[in-house]
N, C-alpha and C. Protein backbone atom coordinates (compact mmCIF):
# COMPACT_ATOMS: atom_id res chain seq x y z
N UNK A 1 99.55 30.27 13.79
CA UNK A 1 98.34 30.68 14.33
C UNK A 1 98.26 30.47 15.83
N UNK A 2 98.86 29.55 16.19
CA UNK A 2 98.93 29.31 17.61
C UNK A 2 99.58 30.51 18.28
N UNK A 3 100.52 31.02 17.63
CA UNK A 3 101.20 32.17 18.18
C UNK A 3 100.26 33.35 18.26
N UNK A 4 99.48 33.45 17.20
CA UNK A 4 98.55 34.56 17.15
C UNK A 4 97.53 34.41 18.27
N UNK A 5 97.04 33.22 18.44
CA UNK A 5 96.06 33.02 19.49
C UNK A 5 96.68 33.25 20.86
N UNK A 6 97.92 32.87 21.03
CA UNK A 6 98.60 33.09 22.31
C UNK A 6 98.76 34.59 22.49
N UNK A 7 99.12 35.26 21.41
CA UNK A 7 99.29 36.70 21.52
C UNK A 7 97.95 37.38 21.79
N UNK A 8 96.90 36.89 21.14
CA UNK A 8 95.57 37.47 21.38
C UNK A 8 95.15 37.24 22.84
N UNK A 9 95.44 36.10 23.32
CA UNK A 9 95.12 35.82 24.73
C UNK A 9 95.91 36.76 25.63
N UNK A 10 97.18 36.92 25.26
CA UNK A 10 98.03 37.81 26.06
C UNK A 10 97.49 39.23 25.99
N UNK A 11 97.08 39.64 24.78
CA UNK A 11 96.54 40.98 24.61
C UNK A 11 95.25 41.11 25.42
N UNK A 12 94.39 40.11 25.36
CA UNK A 12 93.15 40.14 26.13
C UNK A 12 93.45 40.20 27.62
N UNK A 13 94.43 39.42 27.99
CA UNK A 13 94.82 39.40 29.39
C UNK A 13 95.34 40.77 29.81
N UNK A 14 96.18 41.36 28.95
CA UNK A 14 96.74 42.67 29.25
C UNK A 14 95.64 43.73 29.27
N UNK A 15 94.65 43.59 28.36
CA UNK A 15 93.56 44.55 28.33
C UNK A 15 92.73 44.46 29.61
N UNK A 16 92.45 43.22 30.04
CA UNK A 16 91.70 43.08 31.28
C UNK A 16 92.50 43.62 32.45
N UNK A 17 93.81 43.37 32.39
CA UNK A 17 94.66 43.90 33.45
C UNK A 17 94.70 45.41 33.38
N UNK A 18 94.74 45.90 32.15
CA UNK A 18 94.74 47.35 31.97
C UNK A 18 93.44 47.94 32.49
N UNK A 19 92.30 47.27 32.21
CA UNK A 19 91.02 47.75 32.71
C UNK A 19 91.01 47.75 34.25
N UNK A 20 91.60 46.69 34.80
CA UNK A 20 91.67 46.63 36.27
C UNK A 20 92.50 47.80 36.80
N UNK A 21 93.63 48.06 36.13
CA UNK A 21 94.51 49.15 36.55
C UNK A 21 93.80 50.50 36.40
N UNK A 22 93.06 50.62 35.28
CA UNK A 22 92.33 51.87 35.05
C UNK A 22 91.28 52.07 36.15
N UNK A 23 90.57 50.93 36.49
CA UNK A 23 89.58 51.00 37.57
C UNK A 23 90.25 51.39 38.87
N UNK A 24 91.38 50.76 39.15
CA UNK A 24 92.12 51.07 40.37
C UNK A 24 92.55 52.53 40.37
N UNK A 25 93.01 53.00 39.17
CA UNK A 25 93.44 54.39 39.08
C UNK A 25 92.26 55.33 39.32
N UNK A 26 91.10 54.97 38.76
CA UNK A 26 89.90 55.81 38.98
C UNK A 26 89.52 55.81 40.46
N UNK A 27 89.59 54.64 41.09
CA UNK A 27 89.30 54.55 42.53
C UNK A 27 90.30 55.40 43.32
N UNK A 28 91.58 55.26 42.93
CA UNK A 28 92.61 56.06 43.61
C UNK A 28 92.37 57.55 43.36
N UNK A 29 91.96 57.90 42.14
CA UNK A 29 91.67 59.29 41.81
C UNK A 29 90.52 59.81 42.68
N UNK A 30 89.46 58.97 42.82
CA UNK A 30 88.33 59.36 43.67
C UNK A 30 88.78 59.55 45.12
N UNK A 31 89.56 58.58 45.60
CA UNK A 31 90.06 58.68 46.98
C UNK A 31 90.94 59.91 47.15
N UNK A 32 91.76 60.18 46.10
CA UNK A 32 92.63 61.37 46.16
C UNK A 32 91.77 62.63 46.23
N UNK A 33 90.70 62.70 45.40
CA UNK A 33 89.80 63.86 45.41
C UNK A 33 89.11 64.01 46.77
N UNK A 34 88.64 62.86 47.32
CA UNK A 34 88.03 62.91 48.65
C UNK A 34 89.03 63.39 49.69
N UNK A 35 90.24 62.85 49.63
CA UNK A 35 91.28 63.26 50.58
C UNK A 35 91.62 64.73 50.41
N UNK A 36 91.69 65.19 49.15
CA UNK A 36 91.98 66.60 48.89
C UNK A 36 90.87 67.48 49.45
N UNK A 37 89.61 67.08 49.21
CA UNK A 37 88.48 67.84 49.77
C UNK A 37 88.53 67.86 51.29
N UNK A 38 88.83 66.69 51.86
CA UNK A 38 88.92 66.61 53.32
C UNK A 38 90.05 67.51 53.84
N UNK A 39 91.18 67.49 53.17
CA UNK A 39 92.33 68.33 53.56
C UNK A 39 91.95 69.81 53.42
N UNK A 40 91.25 70.16 52.33
CA UNK A 40 90.82 71.55 52.15
C UNK A 40 89.89 71.99 53.28
N UNK A 41 88.96 71.09 53.64
CA UNK A 41 88.05 71.41 54.75
C UNK A 41 88.81 71.60 56.06
N UNK A 42 89.79 70.71 56.29
CA UNK A 42 90.59 70.81 57.52
C UNK A 42 91.38 72.11 57.51
N UNK A 43 91.93 72.49 56.35
CA UNK A 43 92.70 73.75 56.25
C UNK A 43 91.79 74.94 56.51
N UNK A 44 90.58 74.92 55.93
CA UNK A 44 89.63 76.02 56.17
C UNK A 44 89.25 76.09 57.64
N UNK A 45 88.97 74.92 58.23
CA UNK A 45 88.62 74.89 59.66
C UNK A 45 89.79 75.39 60.50
N UNK A 46 91.00 75.02 60.11
CA UNK A 46 92.19 75.47 60.83
C UNK A 46 92.34 76.99 60.73
N UNK A 47 92.13 77.54 59.52
CA UNK A 47 92.21 78.99 59.35
C UNK A 47 91.14 79.69 60.17
N UNK A 48 89.94 79.11 60.18
CA UNK A 48 88.84 79.70 60.97
C UNK A 48 89.21 79.70 62.46
N UNK A 49 89.75 78.58 62.93
CA UNK A 49 90.15 78.50 64.34
C UNK A 49 91.29 79.46 64.65
N UNK A 50 92.24 79.60 63.70
CA UNK A 50 93.33 80.55 63.91
C UNK A 50 92.79 81.98 63.99
N UNK A 51 91.82 82.30 63.12
CA UNK A 51 91.21 83.64 63.18
C UNK A 51 90.49 83.84 64.51
N UNK A 52 89.76 82.84 64.96
CA UNK A 52 89.06 82.95 66.25
C UNK A 52 90.05 83.15 67.38
N UNK A 53 91.12 82.36 67.36
CA UNK A 53 92.14 82.49 68.41
C UNK A 53 92.77 83.87 68.37
N UNK A 54 93.05 84.37 67.17
CA UNK A 54 93.65 85.69 67.02
C UNK A 54 92.71 86.77 67.56
N UNK A 55 91.41 86.68 67.20
CA UNK A 55 90.44 87.66 67.69
C UNK A 55 90.30 87.58 69.21
N UNK A 56 90.24 86.37 69.73
CA UNK A 56 90.12 86.20 71.18
C UNK A 56 91.35 86.76 71.89
N UNK A 57 92.51 86.53 71.32
CA UNK A 57 93.75 87.04 71.90
C UNK A 57 93.75 88.57 71.90
N UNK A 58 93.29 89.18 70.81
CA UNK A 58 93.22 90.64 70.75
C UNK A 58 92.23 91.18 71.79
N UNK A 59 91.09 90.50 71.93
CA UNK A 59 90.12 90.93 72.93
C UNK A 59 90.71 90.82 74.33
N UNK A 60 91.42 89.72 74.58
CA UNK A 60 92.05 89.54 75.90
C UNK A 60 93.08 90.63 76.16
N UNK A 61 93.87 90.98 75.15
CA UNK A 61 94.87 92.04 75.31
C UNK A 61 94.19 93.37 75.60
N UNK A 62 93.10 93.63 74.90
CA UNK A 62 92.36 94.87 75.13
C UNK A 62 91.79 94.89 76.56
N UNK A 63 91.20 93.78 76.98
CA UNK A 63 90.67 93.69 78.34
C UNK A 63 91.78 93.85 79.37
N UNK A 64 92.94 93.29 79.07
CA UNK A 64 94.07 93.42 79.99
C UNK A 64 94.50 94.88 80.11
N UNK A 65 94.55 95.59 78.98
CA UNK A 65 94.90 97.01 79.01
C UNK A 65 93.88 97.79 79.84
N UNK A 66 92.60 97.50 79.62
CA UNK A 66 91.56 98.19 80.40
C UNK A 66 91.70 97.87 81.89
N UNK A 67 91.98 96.63 82.21
CA UNK A 67 92.15 96.24 83.61
C UNK A 67 93.34 96.94 84.24
N UNK A 68 94.43 97.05 83.48
CA UNK A 68 95.60 97.77 84.00
C UNK A 68 95.26 99.24 84.25
N UNK A 69 94.52 99.84 83.35
CA UNK A 69 94.13 101.24 83.52
C UNK A 69 93.23 101.40 84.75
N UNK A 70 92.27 100.49 84.89
CA UNK A 70 91.38 100.55 86.07
C UNK A 70 92.18 100.34 87.35
N UNK A 71 93.15 99.45 87.30
CA UNK A 71 93.99 99.21 88.47
C UNK A 71 94.77 100.47 88.84
N UNK A 72 95.33 101.16 87.83
CA UNK A 72 96.06 102.41 88.09
C UNK A 72 95.13 103.44 88.74
N UNK A 73 93.91 103.55 88.19
CA UNK A 73 92.95 104.51 88.75
C UNK A 73 92.58 104.13 90.17
N UNK A 74 92.38 102.84 90.40
CA UNK A 74 92.01 102.39 91.75
C UNK A 74 93.15 102.67 92.74
N UNK A 75 94.38 102.45 92.29
CA UNK A 75 95.52 102.73 93.18
C UNK A 75 95.62 104.22 93.48
N UNK A 76 95.41 105.05 92.46
CA UNK A 76 95.46 106.50 92.69
C UNK A 76 94.35 106.92 93.65
N UNK A 77 93.17 106.36 93.45
CA UNK A 77 92.04 106.68 94.33
C UNK A 77 92.31 106.21 95.75
N UNK A 78 92.90 105.02 95.88
CA UNK A 78 93.25 104.49 97.20
C UNK A 78 94.26 105.40 97.88
N UNK A 79 95.25 105.86 97.13
CA UNK A 79 96.26 106.75 97.71
C UNK A 79 95.60 108.05 98.19
N UNK A 80 94.69 108.60 97.35
CA UNK A 80 93.98 109.81 97.74
C UNK A 80 93.11 109.57 98.97
N UNK A 81 92.47 108.43 99.02
CA UNK A 81 91.62 108.10 100.16
C UNK A 81 92.45 107.96 101.43
N UNK A 82 93.62 107.34 101.30
CA UNK A 82 94.48 107.18 102.48
C UNK A 82 94.92 108.54 103.01
N UNK A 83 95.29 109.45 102.11
CA UNK A 83 95.70 110.78 102.57
C UNK A 83 94.51 111.52 103.17
N UNK A 84 93.34 111.32 102.58
CA UNK A 84 92.14 111.97 103.13
C UNK A 84 91.83 111.41 104.52
N UNK A 85 91.98 110.10 104.69
CA UNK A 85 91.76 109.49 106.01
C UNK A 85 92.75 110.06 107.02
N UNK A 86 94.02 110.19 106.60
CA UNK A 86 95.04 110.74 107.50
C UNK A 86 94.66 112.16 107.92
N UNK A 87 94.26 112.98 106.93
CA UNK A 87 93.87 114.36 107.23
C UNK A 87 92.65 114.41 108.14
N UNK A 88 91.67 113.54 107.87
CA UNK A 88 90.46 113.52 108.70
C UNK A 88 90.79 113.10 110.13
N UNK A 89 91.69 112.12 110.28
CA UNK A 89 92.08 111.71 111.64
C UNK A 89 92.74 112.88 112.38
N UNK A 90 93.59 113.61 111.67
CA UNK A 90 94.21 114.78 112.31
C UNK A 90 93.16 115.81 112.69
N UNK A 91 92.19 116.03 111.78
CA UNK A 91 91.14 117.00 112.07
C UNK A 91 90.29 116.56 113.24
N UNK A 92 90.02 115.25 113.33
CA UNK A 92 89.23 114.73 114.45
C UNK A 92 89.97 114.98 115.75
N UNK A 93 91.28 114.74 115.74
CA UNK A 93 92.07 114.99 116.94
C UNK A 93 92.01 116.45 117.35
N UNK A 94 92.14 117.33 116.35
CA UNK A 94 92.05 118.77 116.66
C UNK A 94 90.64 119.16 117.06
N UNK A 95 89.64 118.53 116.44
CA UNK A 95 88.25 118.87 116.75
C UNK A 95 87.92 118.51 118.19
N UNK A 96 88.44 117.38 118.66
CA UNK A 96 88.20 116.98 120.05
C UNK A 96 88.78 118.03 120.99
N UNK A 97 90.01 118.45 120.71
CA UNK A 97 90.65 119.47 121.56
C UNK A 97 89.89 120.79 121.47
N UNK A 98 89.48 121.17 120.25
CA UNK A 98 88.73 122.41 120.06
C UNK A 98 87.41 122.35 120.80
N UNK A 99 86.74 121.21 120.72
CA UNK A 99 85.46 121.04 121.42
C UNK A 99 85.66 121.15 122.92
N UNK A 100 86.70 120.49 123.42
CA UNK A 100 86.97 120.57 124.86
C UNK A 100 87.24 122.00 125.29
N UNK A 101 88.02 122.74 124.48
CA UNK A 101 88.31 124.14 124.81
C UNK A 101 87.03 124.98 124.77
N UNK A 102 86.19 124.74 123.76
CA UNK A 102 84.94 125.49 123.66
C UNK A 102 84.03 125.20 124.85
N UNK A 103 83.93 123.94 125.22
CA UNK A 103 83.11 123.57 126.38
C UNK A 103 83.64 124.22 127.64
N UNK A 104 84.96 124.23 127.76
CA UNK A 104 85.57 124.85 128.95
C UNK A 104 85.26 126.35 128.99
N UNK A 105 85.39 127.02 127.81
CA UNK A 105 85.09 128.46 127.77
C UNK A 105 83.62 128.72 128.12
N UNK A 106 82.74 127.89 127.58
CA UNK A 106 81.31 128.09 127.86
C UNK A 106 81.02 127.84 129.33
N UNK A 107 81.63 126.80 129.89
CA UNK A 107 81.42 126.53 131.32
C UNK A 107 81.92 127.70 132.17
N UNK A 108 83.12 128.20 131.81
CA UNK A 108 83.66 129.35 132.56
C UNK A 108 82.74 130.55 132.43
N UNK A 109 82.22 130.78 131.22
CA UNK A 109 81.34 131.92 131.00
C UNK A 109 80.04 131.75 131.79
N UNK A 110 79.47 130.54 131.73
CA UNK A 110 78.23 130.28 132.47
C UNK A 110 78.47 130.41 133.97
N UNK A 111 79.59 129.87 134.45
CA UNK A 111 79.92 129.98 135.86
C UNK A 111 80.09 131.44 136.26
N UNK A 112 80.76 132.20 135.39
CA UNK A 112 80.97 133.61 135.70
C UNK A 112 79.64 134.35 135.72
N UNK A 113 78.80 134.04 134.71
CA UNK A 113 77.50 134.72 134.66
C UNK A 113 76.60 134.29 135.81
N UNK A 114 76.71 133.03 136.23
CA UNK A 114 75.85 132.57 137.33
C UNK A 114 76.34 133.09 138.67
N UNK A 115 77.61 133.44 138.76
CA UNK A 115 78.13 133.98 140.03
C UNK A 115 78.24 135.49 140.00
N UNK A 116 77.71 136.10 138.95
CA UNK A 116 77.74 137.57 138.86
C UNK A 116 76.30 138.06 138.73
N UNK A 117 75.98 139.07 139.56
CA UNK A 117 74.65 139.66 139.48
C UNK A 117 74.83 141.13 139.10
N UNK A 118 74.20 141.48 137.97
CA UNK A 118 74.31 142.85 137.49
C UNK A 118 73.14 143.65 138.04
N UNK A 119 73.50 144.66 138.86
CA UNK A 119 72.47 145.51 139.45
C UNK A 119 71.87 146.42 138.39
N UNK A 120 72.70 146.87 137.45
CA UNK A 120 72.24 147.77 136.40
C UNK A 120 72.19 147.03 135.07
N UNK A 121 71.16 147.33 134.27
CA UNK A 121 71.07 146.81 132.91
C UNK A 121 70.84 148.02 132.02
N UNK A 122 71.79 148.28 131.13
CA UNK A 122 71.75 149.43 130.23
C UNK A 122 71.62 150.74 131.01
N UNK A 123 72.33 150.80 132.13
CA UNK A 123 72.39 152.03 132.90
C UNK A 123 71.18 152.25 133.81
N UNK A 124 70.25 151.31 133.88
CA UNK A 124 69.05 151.45 134.71
C UNK A 124 69.00 150.25 135.65
N UNK A 125 68.58 150.49 136.89
CA UNK A 125 68.47 149.37 137.83
C UNK A 125 67.45 148.37 137.31
N UNK A 126 67.80 147.10 137.41
CA UNK A 126 66.91 146.05 136.89
C UNK A 126 65.72 145.85 137.82
N UNK A 127 64.70 145.17 137.32
CA UNK A 127 63.51 144.91 138.14
C UNK A 127 63.86 144.08 139.35
N UNK A 128 64.78 143.11 139.19
CA UNK A 128 65.17 142.28 140.33
C UNK A 128 65.83 143.13 141.42
N UNK A 129 66.67 144.09 140.98
CA UNK A 129 67.35 144.97 141.95
C UNK A 129 66.33 145.84 142.68
N UNK A 130 65.38 146.39 141.94
CA UNK A 130 64.35 147.23 142.57
C UNK A 130 63.53 146.42 143.57
N UNK A 131 63.15 145.20 143.20
CA UNK A 131 62.37 144.37 144.12
C UNK A 131 63.18 144.05 145.37
N UNK A 132 64.49 143.77 145.20
CA UNK A 132 65.35 143.49 146.35
C UNK A 132 65.44 144.71 147.28
N UNK A 133 65.59 145.89 146.69
CA UNK A 133 65.67 147.12 147.51
C UNK A 133 64.34 147.33 148.25
N UNK A 134 63.21 147.12 147.59
CA UNK A 134 61.90 147.28 148.25
C UNK A 134 61.76 146.33 149.44
N UNK A 135 62.22 145.06 149.22
CA UNK A 135 62.12 144.09 150.31
C UNK A 135 62.96 144.55 151.49
N UNK A 136 64.17 145.05 151.21
CA UNK A 136 65.04 145.52 152.29
C UNK A 136 64.46 146.75 152.99
N UNK A 137 63.84 147.64 152.25
CA UNK A 137 63.23 148.84 152.86
C UNK A 137 62.07 148.40 153.75
N UNK A 138 61.27 147.45 153.29
CA UNK A 138 60.16 146.94 154.09
C UNK A 138 60.66 146.24 155.34
N UNK A 139 61.90 145.68 155.28
CA UNK A 139 62.48 145.02 156.43
C UNK A 139 63.18 146.03 157.35
N UNK A 140 62.96 147.32 157.12
CA UNK A 140 63.49 148.41 157.94
C UNK A 140 65.01 148.52 157.88
N UNK A 141 65.60 148.29 156.68
CA UNK A 141 67.04 148.51 156.50
C UNK A 141 67.18 149.95 156.01
N UNK A 142 68.11 150.70 156.63
CA UNK A 142 68.26 152.10 156.25
C UNK A 142 68.86 152.21 154.86
N UNK A 143 68.61 153.37 154.22
CA UNK A 143 69.07 153.59 152.84
C UNK A 143 70.59 153.51 152.74
N UNK A 144 71.34 153.94 153.76
CA UNK A 144 72.80 153.89 153.72
C UNK A 144 73.31 152.46 153.80
N UNK A 145 72.57 151.57 154.43
CA UNK A 145 73.04 150.20 154.63
C UNK A 145 72.54 149.20 153.56
N UNK A 146 71.65 149.64 152.71
CA UNK A 146 71.06 148.71 151.72
C UNK A 146 72.14 148.10 150.83
N UNK A 147 73.06 148.92 150.33
CA UNK A 147 74.11 148.40 149.44
C UNK A 147 75.01 147.45 150.20
N UNK A 148 75.33 147.74 151.43
CA UNK A 148 76.17 146.86 152.26
C UNK A 148 75.49 145.51 152.49
N UNK A 149 74.17 145.55 152.76
CA UNK A 149 73.43 144.30 153.00
C UNK A 149 73.41 143.46 151.71
N UNK A 150 73.15 144.11 150.57
CA UNK A 150 73.10 143.39 149.30
C UNK A 150 74.45 142.73 149.02
N UNK A 151 75.55 143.48 149.21
CA UNK A 151 76.88 142.93 148.96
C UNK A 151 77.19 141.79 149.92
N UNK A 152 76.78 141.90 151.19
CA UNK A 152 77.04 140.85 152.17
C UNK A 152 76.26 139.57 151.81
N UNK A 153 75.00 139.73 151.43
CA UNK A 153 74.19 138.55 151.06
C UNK A 153 74.79 137.87 149.82
N UNK A 154 75.15 138.67 148.81
CA UNK A 154 75.74 138.08 147.59
C UNK A 154 77.08 137.41 147.89
N UNK A 155 77.90 138.04 148.76
CA UNK A 155 79.19 137.47 149.12
C UNK A 155 78.99 136.14 149.85
N UNK A 156 77.99 136.05 150.69
CA UNK A 156 77.72 134.80 151.41
C UNK A 156 77.26 133.71 150.43
N UNK A 157 76.56 134.10 149.36
CA UNK A 157 76.10 133.13 148.37
C UNK A 157 77.16 132.86 147.31
N UNK A 158 78.29 133.57 147.37
CA UNK A 158 79.36 133.37 146.38
C UNK A 158 79.06 134.08 145.07
N UNK A 159 78.27 135.11 145.11
CA UNK A 159 77.90 135.85 143.91
C UNK A 159 78.52 137.23 144.00
N UNK A 160 79.05 137.70 142.85
CA UNK A 160 79.65 139.02 142.78
C UNK A 160 78.61 139.99 142.28
N UNK A 161 78.45 141.11 143.00
CA UNK A 161 77.48 142.14 142.58
C UNK A 161 78.23 143.19 141.79
N UNK A 162 77.66 143.56 140.61
CA UNK A 162 78.30 144.55 139.76
C UNK A 162 77.30 145.68 139.54
N UNK A 163 77.81 146.95 139.69
CA UNK A 163 76.97 148.09 139.38
C UNK A 163 76.67 148.92 140.56
């Protein structure tokens, strides 16, 4: 009987130890479940972050493509603007020369017109010519000498008489 009691004690001891082990196993199981849940959450968060990074990278690539296209357009526009500037500078240079020539022609024309007196306008003596002849007749200049006097006065003033 002593043996039986020793064995019963051993069995009781083993049962308590077994209960302790079972408790430990349950605790370990709970910790394993918590760790598994935590790992699952970390994996989901990691996948979410990877998706965000992937989307951001795609957006950046798209923006980069748009920027490259805009840069190409800007370069083409710059090249066109440079050629337009070159052409405008050439035109300005020609315009200055053209303007100078036009001013010179107008000055020559004005000078010629100011130094030329037309006795006839549309085939009829002008009013100024008639008044000049009247003044000369009143000054007792003979009819044969009137044209000579008019030409002499105009020549002295540097004016050419036409007509």
